Amino acid sequence: MDLYKILVRYYSQKDYHESIEGFIVADSDEAVYDYVDRKQYGYYSDMNEDSGGTFKERMIKVGGEYFDEDYDPHDLYYGATAYGWEKVSEFDLEKGIMILKELDILMNEEDWGDLG
């Protein structure tokens, strides 16, 4: 298991915001993708295929739209949100999990059922 940081970038016509949404303990980038997919897209993103493979494969490779150089937010009248993740390195996992739980900002698989 590894600790991942979930990042979010919000775009609109008159606003731009970046933040850390939270942290998640997961066993792979694919597990983190599944969390973000359920939160942002509602399970339909893997249906989108492009010349570089499926959307899911590309997002797992780059770490989400947040890090995707080809991501082009559009229809900014209502705003657009890009999620991404990165593994937190050089970190005492047990101590970190304890602190993040105490701060109530750690998301885990038990919480994923509440997404939709």
PDB file of N, CA and C in Angstrom:
ATOM      1  N   MET A   1       0.833  -1.178   0.000  1.00  0.00           N
ATOM      2  CA  MET A   1       0.000   0.000   0.000  1.00  0.00           C
ATOM      3  C   MET A   1       0.880   1.246   0.000  1.00  0.00           C
ATOM      4  N   ASP A   2       0.408   2.239  -0.716  1.00  0.00           N
ATOM      5  CA  ASP A   2       1.122   3.507  -0.806  1.00  0.00           C
ATOM      6  C   ASP A   2       0.164   4.657  -0.532  1.00  0.00           C
ATOM      7  N   LEU A   3       0.732   5.778  -0.166  1.00  0.00           N
ATOM      8  CA  LEU A   3      -0.044   6.982   0.076  1.00  0.00           C
ATOM      9  C   LEU A   3       0.018   7.860  -1.170  1.00  0.00           C
ATOM     10  N   TYR A   4      -1.149   8.295  -1.634  1.00  0.00           N
ATOM     11  CA  TYR A   4      -1.237   9.156  -2.808  1.00  0.00           C
ATOM     12  C   TYR A   4      -1.901  10.476  -2.424  1.00  0.00           C
ATOM     13  N   LYS A   5      -1.452  11.543  -3.069  1.00  0.00           N
ATOM     14  CA  LYS A   5      -2.038  12.865  -2.896  1.00  0.00           C
ATOM     15  C   LYS A   5      -2.984  13.097  -4.075  1.00  0.00           C
ATOM     16  N   ILE A   6      -4.249  13.460  -3.787  1.00  0.00           N
ATOM     17  CA  ILE A   6      -5.229  13.756  -4.825  1.00  0.00           C
ATOM     18  C   ILE A   6      -5.225  15.271  -5.050  1.00  0.00           C
ATOM     19  N   LEU A   7      -4.951  15.673  -6.285  1.00  0.00           N
ATOM     20  CA  LEU A   7      -4.856  17.083  -6.644  1.00  0.00           C
ATOM     21  C   LEU A   7      -6.048  17.475  -7.510  1.00  0.00           C
ATOM     22  N   VAL A   8      -6.454  18.721  -7.419  1.00  0.00           N
ATOM     23  CA  VAL A   8      -7.566  19.207  -8.231  1.00  0.00           C
ATOM     24  C   VAL A   8      -7.225  20.595  -8.766  1.00  0.00           C
ATOM     25  N   ARG A   9      -7.606  20.818 -10.014  1.00  0.00           N
ATOM     26  CA  ARG A   9      -7.426  22.127 -10.655  1.00  0.00           C
ATOM     27  C   ARG A   9      -8.779  22.493 -11.256  1.00  0.00           C
ATOM     28  N   TYR A  10      -9.278  23.659 -10.902  1.00  0.00           N
ATOM     29  CA  TYR A  10     -10.570  24.124 -11.391  1.00  0.00           C
ATOM     30  C   TYR A  10     -10.356  25.325 -12.303  1.00  0.00           C
ATOM     31  N   TYR A  11     -10.977  25.298 -13.468  1.00  0.00           N
ATOM     32  CA  TYR A  11     -10.897  26.385 -14.431  1.00  0.00           C
ATOM     33  C   TYR A  11     -12.296  26.955 -14.663  1.00  0.00           C
ATOM     34  N   SER A  12     -12.388  28.249 -14.810  1.00  0.00           N
ATOM     35  CA  SER A  12     -13.622  28.874 -15.284  1.00  0.00           C
ATOM     36  C   SER A  12     -13.218  30.137 -16.034  1.00  0.00           C
ATOM     37  N   GLN A  13     -14.212  30.859 -16.547  1.00  0.00           N
ATOM     38  CA  GLN A  13     -13.899  32.058 -17.321  1.00  0.00           C
ATOM     39  C   GLN A  13     -13.152  33.099 -16.490  1.00  0.00           C
ATOM     40  N   LYS A  14     -13.509  33.208 -15.219  1.00  0.00           N
ATOM     41  CA  LYS A  14     -12.934  34.271 -14.397  1.00  0.00           C
ATOM     42  C   LYS A  14     -12.175  33.754 -13.176  1.00  0.00           C
ATOM     43  N   ASP A  15     -11.957  32.436 -13.117  1.00  0.00           N
ATOM     44  CA  ASP A  15     -11.366  31.881 -11.904  1.00  0.00           C
ATOM     45  C   ASP A  15     -10.454  30.713 -12.251  1.00  0.00           C
ATOM     46  N   TYR A  16      -9.504  30.469 -11.389  1.00  0.00           N
ATOM     47  CA  TYR A  16      -8.574  29.351 -11.526  1.00  0.00           C
ATOM     48  C   TYR A  16      -8.154  28.973 -10.117  1.00  0.00           C
ATOM     49  N   HIS A  17      -8.198  27.684  -9.813  1.00  0.00           N
ATOM     50  CA  HIS A  17      -7.891  27.266  -8.453  1.00  0.00           C
ATOM     51  C   HIS A  17      -7.214  25.902  -8.487  1.00  0.00           C
ATOM     52  N   GLU A  18      -6.157  25.744  -7.715  1.00  0.00           N
ATOM     53  CA  GLU A  18      -5.475  24.457  -7.540  1.00  0.00           C
ATOM     54  C   GLU A  18      -5.424  24.143  -6.057  1.00  0.00           C
ATOM     55  N   SER A  19      -5.616  22.859  -5.728  1.00  0.00           N
ATOM     56  CA  SER A  19      -5.518  22.476  -4.324  1.00  0.00           C
ATOM     57  C   SER A  19      -5.263  20.982  -4.196  1.00  0.00           C
ATOM     58  N   ILE A  20      -4.936  20.585  -2.987  1.00  0.00           N
ATOM     59  CA  ILE A  20      -4.865  19.174  -2.629  1.00  0.00           C
ATOM     60  C   ILE A  20      -6.234  18.819  -2.079  1.00  0.00           C
ATOM     61  N   GLU A  21      -6.904  17.884  -2.733  1.00  0.00           N
ATOM     62  CA  GLU A  21      -8.240  17.505  -2.281  1.00  0.00           C
ATOM     63  C   GLU A  21      -8.186  16.595  -1.061  1.00  0.00           C
ATOM     64  N   GLY A  22      -7.163  15.775  -0.994  1.00  0.00           N
ATOM     65  CA  GLY A  22      -7.025  14.862   0.130  1.00  0.00           C
ATOM     66  C   GLY A  22      -5.955  13.836  -0.169  1.00  0.00           C
ATOM     67  N   PHE A  23      -5.943  12.798   0.636  1.00  0.00           N
ATOM     68  CA  PHE A  23      -4.958  11.734   0.491  1.00  0.00           C
ATOM     69  C   PHE A  23      -5.695  10.410   0.480  1.00  0.00           C
ATOM     70  N   ILE A  24      -5.102   9.430  -0.184  1.00  0.00           N
ATOM     71  CA  ILE A  24      -5.719   8.117  -0.264  1.00  0.00           C
ATOM     72  C   ILE A  24      -4.636   7.047  -0.142  1.00  0.00           C
ATOM     73  N   VAL A  25      -4.954   5.994   0.555  1.00  0.00           N
ATOM     74  CA  VAL A  25      -4.071   4.842   0.648  1.00  0.00           C
ATOM     75  C   VAL A  25      -4.591   3.824  -0.348  1.00  0.00           C
ATOM     76  N   ALA A  26      -3.743   3.425  -1.283  1.00  0.00           N
ATOM     77  CA  ALA A  26      -4.152   2.488  -2.331  1.00  0.00           C
ATOM     78  C   ALA A  26      -2.975   1.609  -2.701  1.00  0.00           C
ATOM     79  N   ASP A  27      -3.288   0.484  -3.360  1.00  0.00           N
ATOM     80  CA  ASP A  27      -2.216  -0.439  -3.711  1.00  0.00           C
ATOM     81  C   ASP A  27      -1.662  -0.208  -5.118  1.00  0.00           C
ATOM     82  N   SER A  28      -2.270   0.701  -5.908  1.00  0.00           N
ATOM     83  CA  SER A  28      -1.766   0.947  -7.261  1.00  0.00           C
ATOM     84  C   SER A  28      -2.343   2.242  -7.820  1.00  0.00           C
ATOM     85  N   ASP A  29      -1.723   2.710  -8.913  1.00  0.00           N
ATOM     86  CA  ASP A  29      -2.253   3.868  -9.625  1.00  0.00           C
ATOM     87  C   ASP A  29      -3.638   3.571 -10.178  1.00  0.00           C
ATOM     88  N   GLU A  30      -3.868   2.328 -10.582  1.00  0.00           N
ATOM     89  CA  GLU A  30      -5.186   1.964 -11.113  1.00  0.00           C
ATOM     90  C   GLU A  30      -6.270   2.094 -10.041  1.00  0.00           C
ATOM     91  N   ALA A  31      -5.954   1.723  -8.805  1.00  0.00           N
ATOM     92  CA  ALA A  31      -6.928   1.875  -7.718  1.00  0.00           C
ATOM     93  C   ALA A  31      -7.239   3.352  -7.471  1.00  0.00           C
ATOM     94  N   VAL A  32      -6.234   4.202  -7.564  1.00  0.00           N
ATOM     95  CA  VAL A  32      -6.461   5.638  -7.400  1.00  0.00           C
ATOM     96  C   VAL A  32      -7.297   6.155  -8.564  1.00  0.00           C
ATOM     97  N   TYR A  33      -6.977   5.715  -9.774  1.00  0.00           N
ATOM     98  CA  TYR A  33      -7.779   6.101 -10.936  1.00  0.00           C
ATOM     99  C   TYR A  33      -9.244   5.722 -10.723  1.00  0.00           C
ATOM    100  N   ASP A  34      -9.494   4.499 -10.246  1.00  0.00           N
ATOM    101  CA  ASP A  34     -10.871   4.046 -10.027  1.00  0.00           C
ATOM    102  C   ASP A  34     -11.596   4.962  -9.046  1.00  0.00           C
ATOM    103  N   TYR A  35     -10.911   5.406  -8.007  1.00  0.00           N
ATOM    104  CA  TYR A  35     -11.513   6.344  -7.058  1.00  0.00           C
ATOM    105  C   TYR A  35     -11.859   7.659  -7.751  1.00  0.00           C
ATOM    106  N   VAL A  36     -10.891   8.232  -8.457  1.00  0.00           N
ATOM    107  CA  VAL A  36     -11.111   9.511  -9.134  1.00  0.00           C
ATOM    108  C   VAL A  36     -12.178   9.359 -10.218  1.00  0.00           C
ATOM    109  N   ASP A  37     -12.154   8.249 -10.926  1.00  0.00           N
ATOM    110  CA  ASP A  37     -13.141   7.988 -11.982  1.00  0.00           C
ATOM    111  C   ASP A  37     -14.554   7.989 -11.414  1.00  0.00           C
ATOM    112  N   ARG A  38     -14.744   7.314 -10.310  1.00  0.00           N
ATOM    113  CA  ARG A  38     -16.074   7.258  -9.694  1.00  0.00           C
ATOM    114  C   ARG A  38     -16.492   8.626  -9.172  1.00  0.00           C
ATOM    115  N   LYS A  39     -15.535   9.375  -8.667  1.00  0.00           N
ATOM    116  CA  LYS A  39     -15.839  10.694  -8.116  1.00  0.00           C
ATOM    117  C   LYS A  39     -16.152  11.710  -9.219  1.00  0.00           C
ATOM    118  N   GLN A  40     -15.355  11.699 -10.287  1.00  0.00           N
ATOM    119  CA  GLN A  40     -15.486  12.729 -11.309  1.00  0.00           C
ATOM    120  C   GLN A  40     -16.374  12.308 -12.473  1.00  0.00           C
ATOM    121  N   TYR A  41     -16.228  11.093 -12.948  1.00  0.00           N
ATOM    122  CA  TYR A  41     -16.867  10.717 -14.199  1.00  0.00           C
ATOM    123  C   TYR A  41     -18.062   9.790 -14.048  1.00  0.00           C
ATOM    124  N   GLY A  42     -18.208   9.122 -12.925  1.00  0.00           N
ATOM    125  CA  GLY A  42     -19.333   8.229 -12.742  1.00  0.00           C
ATOM    126  C   GLY A  42     -19.248   6.963 -13.566  1.00  0.00           C
ATOM    127  N   TYR A  43     -18.084   6.381 -13.704  1.00  0.00           N
ATOM    128  CA  TYR A  43     -17.860   5.079 -14.326  1.00  0.00           C
ATOM    129  C   TYR A  43     -17.923   5.022 -15.846  1.00  0.00           C
ATOM    130  N   TYR A  44     -18.088   6.104 -16.539  1.00  0.00           N
ATOM    131  CA  TYR A  44     -18.218   5.983 -17.984  1.00  0.00           C
ATOM    132  C   TYR A  44     -16.961   6.356 -18.753  1.00  0.00           C
ATOM    133  N   SER A  45     -15.925   6.769 -18.095  1.00  0.00           N
ATOM    134  CA  SER A  45     -14.768   7.295 -18.807  1.00  0.00           C
ATOM    135  C   SER A  45     -14.047   6.249 -19.632  1.00  0.00           C
ATOM    136  N   ASP A  46     -14.086   4.970 -19.251  1.00  0.00           N
ATOM    137  CA  ASP A  46     -13.341   3.959 -19.991  1.00  0.00           C
ATOM    138  C   ASP A  46     -13.951   3.713 -21.372  1.00  0.00           C
ATOM    139  N   MET A  47     -15.142   4.224 -21.608  1.00  0.00           N
ATOM    140  CA  MET A  47     -15.767   4.062 -22.915  1.00  0.00           C
ATOM    141  C   MET A  47     -15.115   4.978 -23.948  1.00  0.00           C
ATOM    142  N   ASN A  48     -14.405   5.988 -23.505  1.00  0.00           N
ATOM    143  CA  ASN A  48     -13.761   6.937 -24.415  1.00  0.00           C
ATOM    144  C   ASN A  48     -12.416   6.391 -24.862  1.00  0.00           C
ATOM    145  N   GLU A  49     -12.291   6.068 -26.136  1.00  0.00           N
ATOM    146  CA  GLU A  49     -11.028   5.579 -26.659  1.00  0.00           C
ATOM    147  C   GLU A  49     -10.438   6.608 -27.597  1.00  0.00           C
ATOM    148  N   ASP A  50      -9.132   6.641 -27.661  1.00  0.00           N
ATOM    149  CA  ASP A  50      -8.465   7.530 -28.598  1.00  0.00           C
ATOM    150  C   ASP A  50      -7.288   6.794 -29.206  1.00  0.00           C
ATOM    151  N   SER A  51      -6.488   7.465 -29.982  1.00  0.00           N
ATOM    152  CA  SER A  51      -5.383   6.812 -30.682  1.00  0.00           C
ATOM    153  C   SER A  51      -4.319   6.285 -29.728  1.00  0.00           C
ATOM    154  N   GLY A  52      -4.278   6.782 -28.526  1.00  0.00           N
ATOM    155  CA  GLY A  52      -3.290   6.335 -27.562  1.00  0.00           C
ATOM    156  C   GLY A  52      -3.813   5.260 -26.622  1.00  0.00           C
ATOM    157  N   GLY A  53      -4.888   4.596 -26.968  1.00  0.00           N
ATOM    158  CA  GLY A  53      -5.497   3.591 -26.088  1.00  0.00           C
ATOM    159  C   GLY A  53      -6.720   4.161 -25.421  1.00  0.00           C
ATOM    160  N   THR A  54      -7.157   3.493 -24.393  1.00  0.00           N
ATOM    161  CA  THR A  54      -8.348   3.975 -23.710  1.00  0.00           C
ATOM    162  C   THR A  54      -8.016   5.188 -22.844  1.00  0.00           C
ATOM    163  N   PHE A  55      -9.031   5.930 -22.537  1.00  0.00           N
ATOM    164  CA  PHE A  55      -8.893   7.073 -21.640  1.00  0.00           C
ATOM    165  C   PHE A  55      -8.287   6.610 -20.315  1.00  0.00           C
ATOM    166  N   LYS A  56      -8.775   5.491 -19.792  1.00  0.00           N
ATOM    167  CA  LYS A  56      -8.292   4.966 -18.521  1.00  0.00           C
ATOM    168  C   LYS A  56      -6.800   4.675 -18.578  1.00  0.00           C
ATOM    169  N   GLU A  57      -6.346   4.010 -19.626  1.00  0.00           N
ATOM    170  CA  GLU A  57      -4.922   3.694 -19.751  1.00  0.00           C
ATOM    171  C   GLU A  57      -4.068   4.951 -19.769  1.00  0.00           C
ATOM    172  N   ARG A  58      -4.519   5.956 -20.526  1.00  0.00           N
ATOM    173  CA  ARG A  58      -3.761   7.207 -20.612  1.00  0.00           C
ATOM    174  C   ARG A  58      -3.728   7.927 -19.267  1.00  0.00           C
ATOM    175  N   MET A  59      -4.871   7.974 -18.569  1.00  0.00           N
ATOM    176  CA  MET A  59      -4.927   8.673 -17.289  1.00  0.00           C
ATOM    177  C   MET A  59      -4.057   7.980 -16.237  1.00  0.00           C
ATOM    178  N   ILE A  60      -4.043   6.646 -16.230  1.00  0.00           N
ATOM    179  CA  ILE A  60      -3.199   5.920 -15.278  1.00  0.00           C
ATOM    180  C   ILE A  60      -1.728   6.214 -15.569  1.00  0.00           C
ATOM    181  N   LYS A  61      -1.378   6.276 -16.841  1.00  0.00           N
ATOM    182  CA  LYS A  61       0.014   6.528 -17.228  1.00  0.00           C
ATOM    183  C   LYS A  61       0.487   7.913 -16.792  1.00  0.00           C
ATOM    184  N   VAL A  62      -0.350   8.948 -16.969  1.00  0.00           N
ATOM    185  CA  VAL A  62       0.086  10.323 -16.658  1.00  0.00           C
ATOM    186  C   VAL A  62      -0.283  10.773 -15.246  1.00  0.00           C
ATOM    187  N   GLY A  63      -1.175  10.056 -14.585  1.00  0.00           N
ATOM    188  CA  GLY A  63      -1.586  10.454 -13.235  1.00  0.00           C
ATOM    189  C   GLY A  63      -2.786  11.378 -13.218  1.00  0.00           C
ATOM    190  N   GLY A  64      -3.664  11.259 -14.200  1.00  0.00           N
ATOM    191  CA  GLY A  64      -4.883  12.064 -14.232  1.00  0.00           C
ATOM    192  C   GLY A  64      -4.779  13.263 -15.149  1.00  0.00           C
ATOM    193  N   GLU A  65      -5.938  13.877 -15.436  1.00  0.00           N
ATOM    194  CA  GLU A  65      -5.984  15.036 -16.328  1.00  0.00           C
ATOM    195  C   GLU A  65      -5.153  16.201 -15.801  1.00  0.00           C
ATOM    196  N   TYR A  66      -4.986  16.272 -14.511  1.00  0.00           N
ATOM    197  CA  TYR A  66      -4.183  17.319 -13.885  1.00  0.00           C
ATOM    198  C   TYR A  66      -2.789  17.379 -14.514  1.00  0.00           C
ATOM    199  N   PHE A  67      -2.232  16.221 -14.859  1.00  0.00           N
ATOM    200  CA  PHE A  67      -0.887  16.128 -15.431  1.00  0.00           C
ATOM    201  C   PHE A  67      -0.885  15.867 -16.931  1.00  0.00           C
ATOM    202  N   ASP A  68      -2.043  15.807 -17.555  1.00  0.00           N
ATOM    203  CA  ASP A  68      -2.147  15.484 -18.980  1.00  0.00           C
ATOM    204  C   ASP A  68      -1.862  16.737 -19.814  1.00  0.00           C
ATOM    205  N   GLU A  69      -0.771  16.718 -20.554  1.00  0.00           N
ATOM    206  CA  GLU A  69      -0.390  17.873 -21.373  1.00  0.00           C
ATOM    207  C   GLU A  69      -1.401  18.143 -22.481  1.00  0.00           C
ATOM    208  N   ASP A  70      -2.178  17.139 -22.869  1.00  0.00           N
ATOM    209  CA  ASP A  70      -3.163  17.304 -23.935  1.00  0.00           C
ATOM    210  C   ASP A  70      -4.529  17.746 -23.416  1.00  0.00           C
ATOM    211  N   TYR A  71      -4.687  17.847 -22.100  1.00  0.00           N
ATOM    212  CA  TYR A  71      -5.985  18.256 -21.549  1.00  0.00           C
ATOM    213  C   TYR A  71      -6.277  19.696 -21.930  1.00  0.00           C
ATOM    214  N   ASP A  72      -7.433  19.905 -22.512  1.00  0.00           N
ATOM    215  CA  ASP A  72      -7.844  21.228 -22.934  1.00  0.00           C
ATOM    216  C   ASP A  72      -9.223  21.512 -22.356  1.00  0.00           C
ATOM    217  N   PRO A  73      -9.306  22.226 -21.236  1.00  0.00           N
ATOM    218  CA  PRO A  73     -10.622  22.503 -20.661  1.00  0.00           C
ATOM    219  C   PRO A  73     -11.451  23.350 -21.619  1.00  0.00           C
ATOM    220  N   HIS A  74     -12.699  22.991 -21.775  1.00  0.00           N
ATOM    221  CA  HIS A  74     -13.586  23.722 -22.673  1.00  0.00           C
ATOM    222  C   HIS A  74     -14.904  24.005 -21.961  1.00  0.00           C
ATOM    223  N   ASP A  75     -15.729  24.792 -22.565  1.00  0.00           N
ATOM    224  CA  ASP A  75     -17.019  25.193 -22.000  1.00  0.00           C
ATOM    225  C   ASP A  75     -16.821  25.745 -20.584  1.00  0.00           C
ATOM    226  N   LEU A  76     -15.962  26.730 -20.484  1.00  0.00           N
ATOM    227  CA  LEU A  76     -15.611  27.271 -19.172  1.00  0.00           C
ATOM    228  C   LEU A  76     -16.693  28.152 -18.562  1.00  0.00           C
ATOM    229  N   TYR A  77     -17.789  28.325 -19.264  1.00  0.00           N
ATOM    230  CA  TYR A  77     -18.907  29.083 -18.686  1.00  0.00           C
ATOM    231  C   TYR A  77     -19.355  28.429 -17.382  1.00  0.00           C
ATOM    232  N   TYR A  78     -19.411  27.096 -17.375  1.00  0.00           N
ATOM    233  CA  TYR A  78     -19.793  26.359 -16.175  1.00  0.00           C
ATOM    234  C   TYR A  78     -18.586  25.855 -15.393  1.00  0.00           C
ATOM    235  N   GLY A  79     -17.412  26.013 -15.926  1.00  0.00           N
ATOM    236  CA  GLY A  79     -16.199  25.579 -15.253  1.00  0.00           C
ATOM    237  C   GLY A  79     -15.805  24.173 -15.628  1.00  0.00           C
ATOM    238  N   ALA A  80     -14.556  23.856 -15.430  1.00  0.00           N
ATOM    239  CA  ALA A  80     -14.023  22.525 -15.698  1.00  0.00           C
ATOM    240  C   ALA A  80     -13.077  22.160 -14.566  1.00  0.00           C
ATOM    241  N   THR A  81     -13.075  20.898 -14.208  1.00  0.00           N
ATOM    242  CA  THR A  81     -12.237  20.417 -13.121  1.00  0.00           C
ATOM    243  C   THR A  81     -11.355  19.284 -13.608  1.00  0.00           C
ATOM    244  N   ALA A  82     -10.085  19.340 -13.287  1.00  0.00           N
ATOM    245  CA  ALA A  82      -9.136  18.285 -13.638  1.00  0.00           C
ATOM    246  C   ALA A  82      -8.569  17.702 -12.348  1.00  0.00           C
ATOM    247  N   TYR A  83      -8.648  16.384 -12.237  1.00  0.00           N
ATOM    248  CA  TYR A  83      -8.091  15.686 -11.083  1.00  0.00           C
ATOM    249  C   TYR A  83      -6.796  14.997 -11.471  1.00  0.00           C
ATOM    250  N   GLY A  84      -5.937  14.811 -10.488  1.00  0.00           N
ATOM    251  CA  GLY A  84      -4.703  14.072 -10.695  1.00  0.00           C
ATOM    252  C   GLY A  84      -4.231  13.505  -9.374  1.00  0.00           C
ATOM    253  N   TRP A  85      -3.188  12.717  -9.440  1.00  0.00           N
ATOM    254  CA  TRP A  85      -2.650  12.125  -8.222  1.00  0.00           C
ATOM    255  C   TRP A  85      -1.159  11.885  -8.394  1.00  0.00           C
ATOM    256  N   GLU A  86      -0.500  11.852  -7.277  1.00  0.00           N
ATOM    257  CA  GLU A  86       0.907  11.486  -7.261  1.00  0.00           C
ATOM    258  C   GLU A  86       1.213  10.775  -5.954  1.00  0.00           C
ATOM    259  N   LYS A  87       2.119   9.831  -6.063  1.00  0.00           N
ATOM    260  CA  LYS A  87       2.515   9.059  -4.894  1.00  0.00           C
ATOM    261  C   LYS A  87       3.350   9.939  -3.979  1.00  0.00           C
ATOM    262  N   VAL A  88       3.051   9.898  -2.705  1.00  0.00           N
ATOM    263  CA  VAL A  88       3.832  10.636  -1.713  1.00  0.00           C
ATOM    264  C   VAL A  88       5.028   9.767  -1.365  1.00  0.00           C
ATOM    265  N   SER A  89       6.224  10.265  -1.634  1.00  0.00           N
ATOM    266  CA  SER A  89       7.425   9.474  -1.397  1.00  0.00           C
ATOM    267  C   SER A  89       8.125   9.922  -0.127  1.00  0.00           C
ATOM    268  N   GLU A  90       9.070   9.103   0.295  1.00  0.00           N
ATOM    269  CA  GLU A  90       9.848   9.433   1.492  1.00  0.00           C
ATOM    270  C   GLU A  90       8.930   9.754   2.665  1.00  0.00           C
ATOM    271  N   PHE A  91       8.038   8.837   2.958  1.00  0.00           N
ATOM    272  CA  PHE A  91       7.004   9.110   3.943  1.00  0.00           C
ATOM    273  C   PHE A  91       6.835   7.902   4.851  1.00  0.00           C
ATOM    274  N   ASP A  92       6.762   8.117   6.145  1.00  0.00           N
ATOM    275  CA  ASP A  92       6.475   7.051   7.106  1.00  0.00           C
ATOM    276  C   ASP A  92       4.973   6.760   7.007  1.00  0.00           C
ATOM    277  N   LEU A  93       4.615   5.703   6.282  1.00  0.00           N
ATOM    278  CA  LEU A  93       3.223   5.425   5.948  1.00  0.00           C
ATOM    279  C   LEU A  93       2.342   5.276   7.181  1.00  0.00           C
ATOM    280  N   GLU A  94       2.772   4.507   8.153  1.00  0.00           N
ATOM    281  CA  GLU A  94       1.943   4.294   9.346  1.00  0.00           C
ATOM    282  C   GLU A  94       1.690   5.589  10.111  1.00  0.00           C
ATOM    283  N   LYS A  95       2.736   6.365  10.313  1.00  0.00           N
ATOM    284  CA  LYS A  95       2.581   7.643  11.013  1.00  0.00           C
ATOM    285  C   LYS A  95       1.728   8.602  10.195  1.00  0.00           C
ATOM    286  N   GLY A  96       1.953   8.636   8.899  1.00  0.00           N
ATOM    287  CA  GLY A  96       1.180   9.514   8.022  1.00  0.00           C
ATOM    288  C   GLY A  96      -0.295   9.171   8.015  1.00  0.00           C
ATOM    289  N   ILE A  97      -0.610   7.882   7.955  1.00  0.00           N
ATOM    290  CA  ILE A  97      -2.011   7.450   7.971  1.00  0.00           C
ATOM    291  C   ILE A  97      -2.668   7.885   9.272  1.00  0.00           C
ATOM    292  N   MET A  98      -1.987   7.709  10.386  1.00  0.00           N
ATOM    293  CA  MET A  98      -2.530   8.091  11.677  1.00  0.00           C
ATOM    294  C   MET A  98      -2.842   9.602  11.708  1.00  0.00           C
ATOM    295  N   ILE A  99      -1.912  10.416  11.222  1.00  0.00           N
ATOM    296  CA  ILE A  99      -2.110  11.869  11.217  1.00  0.00           C
ATOM    297  C   ILE A  99      -3.258  12.265  10.302  1.00  0.00           C
ATOM    298  N   LEU A 100      -3.287  11.696   9.103  1.00  0.00           N
ATOM    299  CA  LEU A 100      -4.332  12.049   8.143  1.00  0.00           C
ATOM    300  C   LEU A 100      -5.714  11.604   8.621  1.00  0.00           C
ATOM    301  N   LYS A 101      -5.802  10.450   9.289  1.00  0.00           N
ATOM    302  CA  LYS A 101      -7.081  10.012   9.867  1.00  0.00           C
ATOM    303  C   LYS A 101      -7.533  10.988  10.950  1.00  0.00           C
ATOM    304  N   GLU A 102      -6.587  11.398  11.761  1.00  0.00           N
ATOM    305  CA  GLU A 102      -6.895  12.330  12.838  1.00  0.00           C
ATOM    306  C   GLU A 102      -7.412  13.657  12.283  1.00  0.00           C
ATOM    307  N   LEU A 103      -6.871  14.084  11.157  1.00  0.00           N
ATOM    308  CA  LEU A 103      -7.305  15.322  10.520  1.00  0.00           C
ATOM    309  C   LEU A 103      -8.567  15.127   9.673  1.00  0.00           C
ATOM    310  N   ASP A 104      -8.997  13.892   9.529  1.00  0.00           N
ATOM    311  CA  ASP A 104     -10.179  13.516   8.751  1.00  0.00           C
ATOM    312  C   ASP A 104     -10.065  13.927   7.284  1.00  0.00           C
ATOM    313  N   ILE A 105      -8.867  13.721   6.709  1.00  0.00           N
ATOM    314  CA  ILE A 105      -8.674  14.006   5.286  1.00  0.00           C
ATOM    315  C   ILE A 105      -8.146  12.795   4.531  1.00  0.00           C
ATOM    316  N   LEU A 106      -8.194  11.630   5.150  1.00  0.00           N
ATOM    317  CA  LEU A 106      -7.763  10.400   4.498  1.00  0.00           C
ATOM    318  C   LEU A 106      -8.977   9.696   3.922  1.00  0.00           C
ATOM    319  N   MET A 107      -8.947   9.429   2.618  1.00  0.00           N
ATOM    320  CA  MET A 107     -10.024   8.691   1.972  1.00  0.00           C
ATOM    321  C   MET A 107      -9.563   7.252   1.829  1.00  0.00           C
ATOM    322  N   ASN A 108     -10.437   6.309   2.130  1.00  0.00           N
ATOM    323  CA  ASN A 108     -10.076   4.910   1.947  1.00  0.00           C
ATOM    324  C   ASN A 108     -11.229   4.173   1.275  1.00  0.00           C
ATOM    325  N   GLU A 109     -11.006   2.912   0.940  1.00  0.00           N
ATOM    326  CA  GLU A 109     -11.973   2.170   0.139  1.00  0.00           C
ATOM    327  C   GLU A 109     -13.339   2.080   0.804  1.00  0.00           C
ATOM    328  N   GLU A 110     -13.420   2.086   2.115  1.00  0.00           N
ATOM    329  CA  GLU A 110     -14.720   2.031   2.792  1.00  0.00           C
ATOM    330  C   GLU A 110     -15.556   3.271   2.477  1.00  0.00           C
ATOM    331  N   ASP A 111     -14.879   4.404   2.229  1.00  0.00           N
ATOM    332  CA  ASP A 111     -15.564   5.654   1.921  1.00  0.00           C
ATOM    333  C   ASP A 111     -16.020   5.740   0.465  1.00  0.00           C
ATOM    334  N   TRP A 112     -15.465   4.890  -0.405  1.00  0.00           N
ATOM    335  CA  TRP A 112     -15.721   5.009  -1.835  1.00  0.00           C
ATOM    336  C   TRP A 112     -17.159   4.724  -2.193  1.00  0.00           C
ATOM    337  N   GLY A 113     -17.860   3.932  -1.401  1.00  0.00           N
ATOM    338  CA  GLY A 113     -19.251   3.614  -1.705  1.00  0.00           C
ATOM    339  C   GLY A 113     -20.166   4.819  -1.634  1.00  0.00           C
ATOM    340  N   ASP A 114     -19.750   5.876  -0.954  1.00  0.00           N
ATOM    341  CA  ASP A 114     -20.573   7.069  -0.783  1.00  0.00           C
ATOM    342  C   ASP A 114     -20.479   8.029  -1.968  1.00  0.00           C
ATOM    343  N   LEU A 115     -19.793   7.630  -3.044  1.00  0.00           N
ATOM    344  CA  LEU A 115     -19.533   8.558  -4.133  1.00  0.00           C
ATOM    345  C   LEU A 115     -20.684   8.693  -5.126  1.00  0.00           C
ATOM    346  N   GLY A 116     -21.583   7.821  -5.130  1.00  0.00           N
ATOM    347  CA  GLY A 116     -22.580   8.021  -6.161  1.00  0.00           C
ATOM    348  C   GLY A 116     -23.536   6.937  -6.235  1.00  0.00           C
TER     349      GLY A 116
END
